Amino acid sequence: MQVYNLPTSCIKEMHNFIQNHLDTMIHEIETEFKQDREMEKAYREATRAENMIKYKDEIRARPKAEWKTSKKEKQEIKQESFKDLKNIKEKFLGKSD
């Protein structure tokens, strides 16, 4: 491990340079990135709103999604899935468990 001794004046000078020049540049870049992200978000929202207006009739014509299922339906789906899995397994492996 090497140890370097730098004069305090050199360190202070570099610190001041970083504070005075680089900090402002970094702040400006961060501000630009934030503005770009906000503009992209606004553009996406505007496009979405435009498409919702444009395709309003098609969207309303779609059937409503049914997410809620009863306990009995869930059990039936589970049993069907196991049967399907067993059939696939038999078909490809030629075995049955």
N, C-alpha and C. Protein backbone atom coordinates (compact mmCIF):
# COMPACT_ATOMS: atom_id res chain seq x y z
N MET A 1 0.84 -1.17 0.00
CA MET A 1 0.00 0.00 0.00
C MET A 1 0.89 1.24 0.00
N GLN A 2 0.56 2.17 -0.88
CA GLN A 2 1.35 3.39 -0.95
C GLN A 2 0.56 4.53 -0.30
N VAL A 3 1.27 5.37 0.36
CA VAL A 3 0.66 6.52 1.01
C VAL A 3 1.22 7.78 0.35
N TYR A 4 0.32 8.67 -0.02
CA TYR A 4 0.74 9.92 -0.64
C TYR A 4 0.44 11.07 0.31
N ASN A 5 1.35 11.95 0.42
CA ASN A 5 1.15 13.17 1.21
C ASN A 5 0.98 14.33 0.24
N LEU A 6 -0.18 14.97 0.35
CA LEU A 6 -0.45 16.13 -0.49
C LEU A 6 -0.55 17.36 0.40
N PRO A 7 -0.07 18.46 -0.13
CA PRO A 7 -0.18 19.68 0.66
C PRO A 7 -1.65 20.10 0.83
N THR A 8 -1.96 20.64 1.94
CA THR A 8 -3.32 21.05 2.26
C THR A 8 -3.85 22.06 1.26
N SER A 9 -3.00 22.94 0.79
CA SER A 9 -3.43 23.96 -0.17
C SER A 9 -3.93 23.31 -1.47
N CYS A 10 -3.25 22.26 -1.90
CA CYS A 10 -3.66 21.55 -3.12
C CYS A 10 -5.04 20.91 -2.93
N ILE A 11 -5.24 20.31 -1.79
CA ILE A 11 -6.53 19.66 -1.50
C ILE A 11 -7.64 20.70 -1.43
N LYS A 12 -7.38 21.83 -0.78
CA LYS A 12 -8.38 22.89 -0.69
C LYS A 12 -8.72 23.44 -2.07
N GLU A 13 -7.70 23.59 -2.89
CA GLU A 13 -7.90 24.10 -4.25
C GLU A 13 -8.80 23.16 -5.06
N MET A 14 -8.52 21.87 -4.99
CA MET A 14 -9.34 20.89 -5.71
C MET A 14 -10.76 20.84 -5.15
N HIS A 15 -10.88 20.94 -3.85
CA HIS A 15 -12.21 20.94 -3.23
C HIS A 15 -13.02 22.14 -3.70
N ASN A 16 -12.40 23.29 -3.73
CA ASN A 16 -13.08 24.50 -4.20
C ASN A 16 -13.47 24.38 -5.67
N PHE A 17 -12.60 23.82 -6.49
CA PHE A 17 -12.91 23.62 -7.90
C PHE A 17 -14.13 22.73 -8.06
N ILE A 18 -14.14 21.63 -7.32
CA ILE A 18 -15.27 20.70 -7.40
C ILE A 18 -16.55 21.39 -6.95
N GLN A 19 -16.49 22.10 -5.86
CA GLN A 19 -17.68 22.78 -5.36
C GLN A 19 -18.18 23.85 -6.31
N ASN A 20 -17.27 24.64 -6.84
CA ASN A 20 -17.67 25.78 -7.66
C ASN A 20 -18.07 25.39 -9.08
N HIS A 21 -17.42 24.41 -9.67
CA HIS A 21 -17.66 24.11 -11.08
C HIS A 21 -18.44 22.82 -11.28
N LEU A 22 -17.97 21.76 -10.71
CA LEU A 22 -18.58 20.46 -10.99
C LEU A 22 -19.94 20.31 -10.32
N ASP A 23 -20.11 20.82 -9.11
CA ASP A 23 -21.40 20.71 -8.43
C ASP A 23 -22.51 21.38 -9.24
N THR A 24 -22.22 22.56 -9.79
CA THR A 24 -23.24 23.25 -10.58
C THR A 24 -23.54 22.49 -11.87
N MET A 25 -22.50 21.94 -12.48
CA MET A 25 -22.70 21.17 -13.71
C MET A 25 -23.55 19.92 -13.43
N ILE A 26 -23.23 19.23 -12.35
CA ILE A 26 -23.97 18.02 -11.99
C ILE A 26 -25.43 18.38 -11.67
N HIS A 27 -25.63 19.47 -10.97
CA HIS A 27 -26.99 19.91 -10.65
C HIS A 27 -27.78 20.22 -11.92
N GLU A 28 -27.14 20.88 -12.87
CA GLU A 28 -27.80 21.19 -14.14
C GLU A 28 -28.18 19.91 -14.90
N ILE A 29 -27.28 18.95 -14.92
CA ILE A 29 -27.53 17.69 -15.61
C ILE A 29 -28.68 16.95 -14.94
N GLU A 30 -28.68 16.89 -13.61
CA GLU A 30 -29.78 16.24 -12.88
C GLU A 30 -31.11 16.91 -13.17
N THR A 31 -31.10 18.23 -13.23
CA THR A 31 -32.32 18.98 -13.53
C THR A 31 -32.82 18.64 -14.93
N GLU A 32 -31.90 18.55 -15.89
CA GLU A 32 -32.29 18.20 -17.26
C GLU A 32 -32.89 16.80 -17.32
N PHE A 33 -32.28 15.84 -16.60
CA PHE A 33 -32.82 14.49 -16.58
C PHE A 33 -34.22 14.46 -15.99
N LYS A 34 -34.44 15.20 -14.92
CA LYS A 34 -35.77 15.25 -14.30
C LYS A 34 -36.78 15.83 -15.28
N GLN A 35 -36.40 16.89 -15.95
CA GLN A 35 -37.29 17.52 -16.92
C GLN A 35 -37.60 16.56 -18.07
N ASP A 36 -36.59 15.84 -18.55
CA ASP A 36 -36.80 14.87 -19.63
C ASP A 36 -37.77 13.78 -19.20
N ARG A 37 -37.59 13.26 -17.98
CA ARG A 37 -38.49 12.23 -17.47
C ARG A 37 -39.92 12.74 -17.36
N GLU A 38 -40.07 13.96 -16.88
CA GLU A 38 -41.41 14.55 -16.78
C GLU A 38 -42.04 14.74 -18.15
N MET A 39 -41.24 15.17 -19.12
CA MET A 39 -41.76 15.34 -20.49
C MET A 39 -42.17 14.00 -21.09
N GLU A 40 -41.36 12.96 -20.87
CA GLU A 40 -41.70 11.64 -21.39
C GLU A 40 -42.98 11.12 -20.74
N LYS A 41 -43.12 11.34 -19.45
CA LYS A 41 -44.31 10.90 -18.73
C LYS A 41 -45.54 11.64 -19.27
N ALA A 42 -45.41 12.95 -19.46
CA ALA A 42 -46.52 13.75 -19.98
C ALA A 42 -46.89 13.29 -21.39
N TYR A 43 -45.88 12.98 -22.20
CA TYR A 43 -46.14 12.50 -23.56
C TYR A 43 -46.89 11.17 -23.54
N ARG A 44 -46.44 10.25 -22.66
CA ARG A 44 -47.12 8.95 -22.55
C ARG A 44 -48.56 9.12 -22.11
N GLU A 45 -48.78 9.99 -21.13
CA GLU A 45 -50.14 10.23 -20.64
C GLU A 45 -51.02 10.86 -21.73
N ALA A 46 -50.44 11.78 -22.49
CA ALA A 46 -51.20 12.42 -23.57
C ALA A 46 -51.54 11.40 -24.65
N THR A 47 -50.59 10.55 -24.99
CA THR A 47 -50.84 9.51 -25.99
C THR A 47 -51.91 8.54 -25.51
N ARG A 48 -51.83 8.19 -24.24
CA ARG A 48 -52.82 7.27 -23.66
C ARG A 48 -54.22 7.90 -23.71
N ALA A 49 -54.31 9.17 -23.31
CA ALA A 49 -55.60 9.86 -23.33
C ALA A 49 -56.14 9.96 -24.75
N GLU A 50 -55.26 10.27 -25.68
CA GLU A 50 -55.65 10.36 -27.09
C GLU A 50 -56.19 9.02 -27.60
N ASN A 51 -55.49 7.93 -27.26
CA ASN A 51 -55.94 6.61 -27.68
C ASN A 51 -57.25 6.22 -27.02
N MET A 52 -57.44 6.62 -25.76
CA MET A 52 -58.69 6.30 -25.08
C MET A 52 -59.86 7.01 -25.75
N ILE A 53 -59.63 8.24 -26.19
CA ILE A 53 -60.69 8.97 -26.89
C ILE A 53 -60.90 8.37 -28.27
N LYS A 54 -59.81 8.09 -28.95
CA LYS A 54 -59.87 7.57 -30.32
C LYS A 54 -60.55 6.21 -30.39
N TYR A 55 -60.24 5.33 -29.43
CA TYR A 55 -60.75 3.96 -29.46
C TYR A 55 -61.80 3.71 -28.37
N LYS A 56 -62.51 4.78 -27.99
CA LYS A 56 -63.50 4.71 -26.91
C LYS A 56 -64.54 3.62 -27.16
N ASP A 57 -65.07 3.57 -28.37
CA ASP A 57 -66.11 2.59 -28.69
C ASP A 57 -65.59 1.16 -28.59
N GLU A 58 -64.38 0.93 -29.10
CA GLU A 58 -63.80 -0.41 -29.03
C GLU A 58 -63.53 -0.83 -27.59
N ILE A 59 -63.08 0.10 -26.78
CA ILE A 59 -62.80 -0.21 -25.38
C ILE A 59 -64.08 -0.55 -24.64
N ARG A 60 -65.12 0.21 -24.89
CA ARG A 60 -66.40 -0.06 -24.22
C ARG A 60 -67.06 -1.34 -24.72
N ALA A 61 -66.74 -1.76 -25.93
CA ALA A 61 -67.34 -2.97 -26.49
C ALA A 61 -66.73 -4.25 -25.92
N ARG A 62 -65.59 -4.14 -25.32
CA ARG A 62 -64.93 -5.33 -24.75
C ARG A 62 -65.73 -5.85 -23.56
N PRO A 63 -65.74 -7.18 -23.41
CA PRO A 63 -66.43 -7.72 -22.23
C PRO A 63 -65.61 -7.42 -20.97
N LYS A 64 -66.33 -7.26 -19.87
CA LYS A 64 -65.63 -6.99 -18.62
C LYS A 64 -64.91 -8.24 -18.16
N ALA A 65 -63.73 -8.05 -17.61
CA ALA A 65 -62.94 -9.18 -17.11
C ALA A 65 -63.52 -9.64 -15.78
N GLU A 66 -63.56 -10.94 -15.62
CA GLU A 66 -64.06 -11.51 -14.38
C GLU A 66 -62.88 -12.08 -13.62
N TRP A 67 -62.53 -11.44 -12.54
CA TRP A 67 -61.37 -11.86 -11.77
C TRP A 67 -61.77 -12.67 -10.54
N LYS A 68 -62.97 -12.45 -10.09
CA LYS A 68 -63.39 -13.13 -8.87
C LYS A 68 -63.92 -14.51 -9.20
N THR A 69 -63.40 -15.51 -8.54
CA THR A 69 -63.89 -16.88 -8.71
C THR A 69 -64.21 -17.45 -7.34
N SER A 70 -65.16 -18.35 -7.31
CA SER A 70 -65.54 -18.94 -6.03
C SER A 70 -64.53 -20.02 -5.65
N LYS A 71 -64.63 -20.48 -4.41
CA LYS A 71 -63.73 -21.51 -3.92
C LYS A 71 -63.90 -22.79 -4.74
N LYS A 72 -65.14 -23.10 -5.08
CA LYS A 72 -65.45 -24.30 -5.85
C LYS A 72 -64.82 -24.21 -7.25
N GLU A 73 -64.94 -23.05 -7.89
CA GLU A 73 -64.35 -22.87 -9.22
C GLU A 73 -62.84 -22.98 -9.18
N LYS A 74 -62.23 -22.41 -8.14
CA LYS A 74 -60.77 -22.50 -8.01
C LYS A 74 -60.34 -23.96 -7.87
N GLN A 75 -61.07 -24.72 -7.08
CA GLN A 75 -60.75 -26.14 -6.88
C GLN A 75 -60.89 -26.92 -8.19
N GLU A 76 -61.96 -26.61 -8.95
CA GLU A 76 -62.16 -27.29 -10.24
C GLU A 76 -61.02 -26.96 -11.21
N ILE A 77 -60.63 -25.72 -11.26
CA ILE A 77 -59.53 -25.31 -12.14
C ILE A 77 -58.25 -26.02 -11.74
N LYS A 78 -58.01 -26.12 -10.44
CA LYS A 78 -56.82 -26.79 -9.94
C LYS A 78 -56.82 -28.26 -10.34
N GLN A 79 -57.97 -28.93 -10.20
CA GLN A 79 -58.06 -30.34 -10.57
C GLN A 79 -57.86 -30.54 -12.07
N GLU A 80 -58.44 -29.65 -12.87
CA GLU A 80 -58.26 -29.73 -14.32
C GLU A 80 -56.79 -29.53 -14.70
N SER A 81 -56.13 -28.61 -14.03
CA SER A 81 -54.72 -28.37 -14.30
C SER A 81 -53.87 -29.59 -13.99
N PHE A 82 -54.17 -30.26 -12.87
CA PHE A 82 -53.44 -31.47 -12.52
C PHE A 82 -53.68 -32.57 -13.55
N LYS A 83 -54.92 -32.69 -14.03
CA LYS A 83 -55.23 -33.69 -15.06
C LYS A 83 -54.46 -33.38 -16.34
N ASP A 84 -54.47 -32.12 -16.74
CA ASP A 84 -53.73 -31.71 -17.94
C ASP A 84 -52.24 -32.00 -17.79
N LEU A 85 -51.70 -31.70 -16.64
CA LEU A 85 -50.29 -31.94 -16.39
C LEU A 85 -49.97 -33.43 -16.45
N LYS A 86 -50.85 -34.23 -15.89
CA LYS A 86 -50.66 -35.68 -15.91
C LYS A 86 -50.72 -36.20 -17.35
N ASN A 87 -51.67 -35.70 -18.14
CA ASN A 87 -51.78 -36.12 -19.55
C ASN A 87 -50.54 -35.73 -20.34
N ILE A 88 -50.04 -34.54 -20.11
CA ILE A 88 -48.83 -34.09 -20.81
C ILE A 88 -47.65 -34.95 -20.42
N LYS A 89 -47.56 -35.23 -19.15
CA LYS A 89 -46.46 -36.06 -18.65
C LYS A 89 -46.51 -37.45 -19.28
N GLU A 90 -47.69 -38.04 -19.34
CA GLU A 90 -47.85 -39.37 -19.94
C GLU A 90 -47.52 -39.34 -21.43
N LYS A 91 -47.93 -38.28 -22.08
CA LYS A 91 -47.73 -38.17 -23.52
C LYS A 91 -46.23 -38.09 -23.86
N PHE A 92 -45.49 -37.29 -23.13
CA PHE A 92 -44.08 -37.08 -23.45
C PHE A 92 -43.14 -38.10 -22.82
N LEU A 93 -43.47 -38.58 -21.66
CA LEU A 93 -42.58 -39.50 -20.97
C LEU A 93 -43.02 -40.96 -21.13
N GLY A 94 -44.25 -41.15 -21.51
CA GLY A 94 -44.77 -42.50 -21.70
C GLY A 94 -44.98 -43.23 -20.37
N LYS A 95 -45.09 -42.49 -19.27
CA LYS A 95 -45.29 -43.07 -17.96
C LYS A 95 -46.53 -42.47 -17.31
N SER A 96 -46.97 -43.14 -16.28
CA SER A 96 -48.01 -42.57 -15.44
C SER A 96 -47.65 -42.85 -14.01
N ASP A 97 -47.90 -41.89 -13.13
CA ASP A 97 -47.57 -42.04 -11.72
C ASP A 97 -48.78 -42.45 -10.92
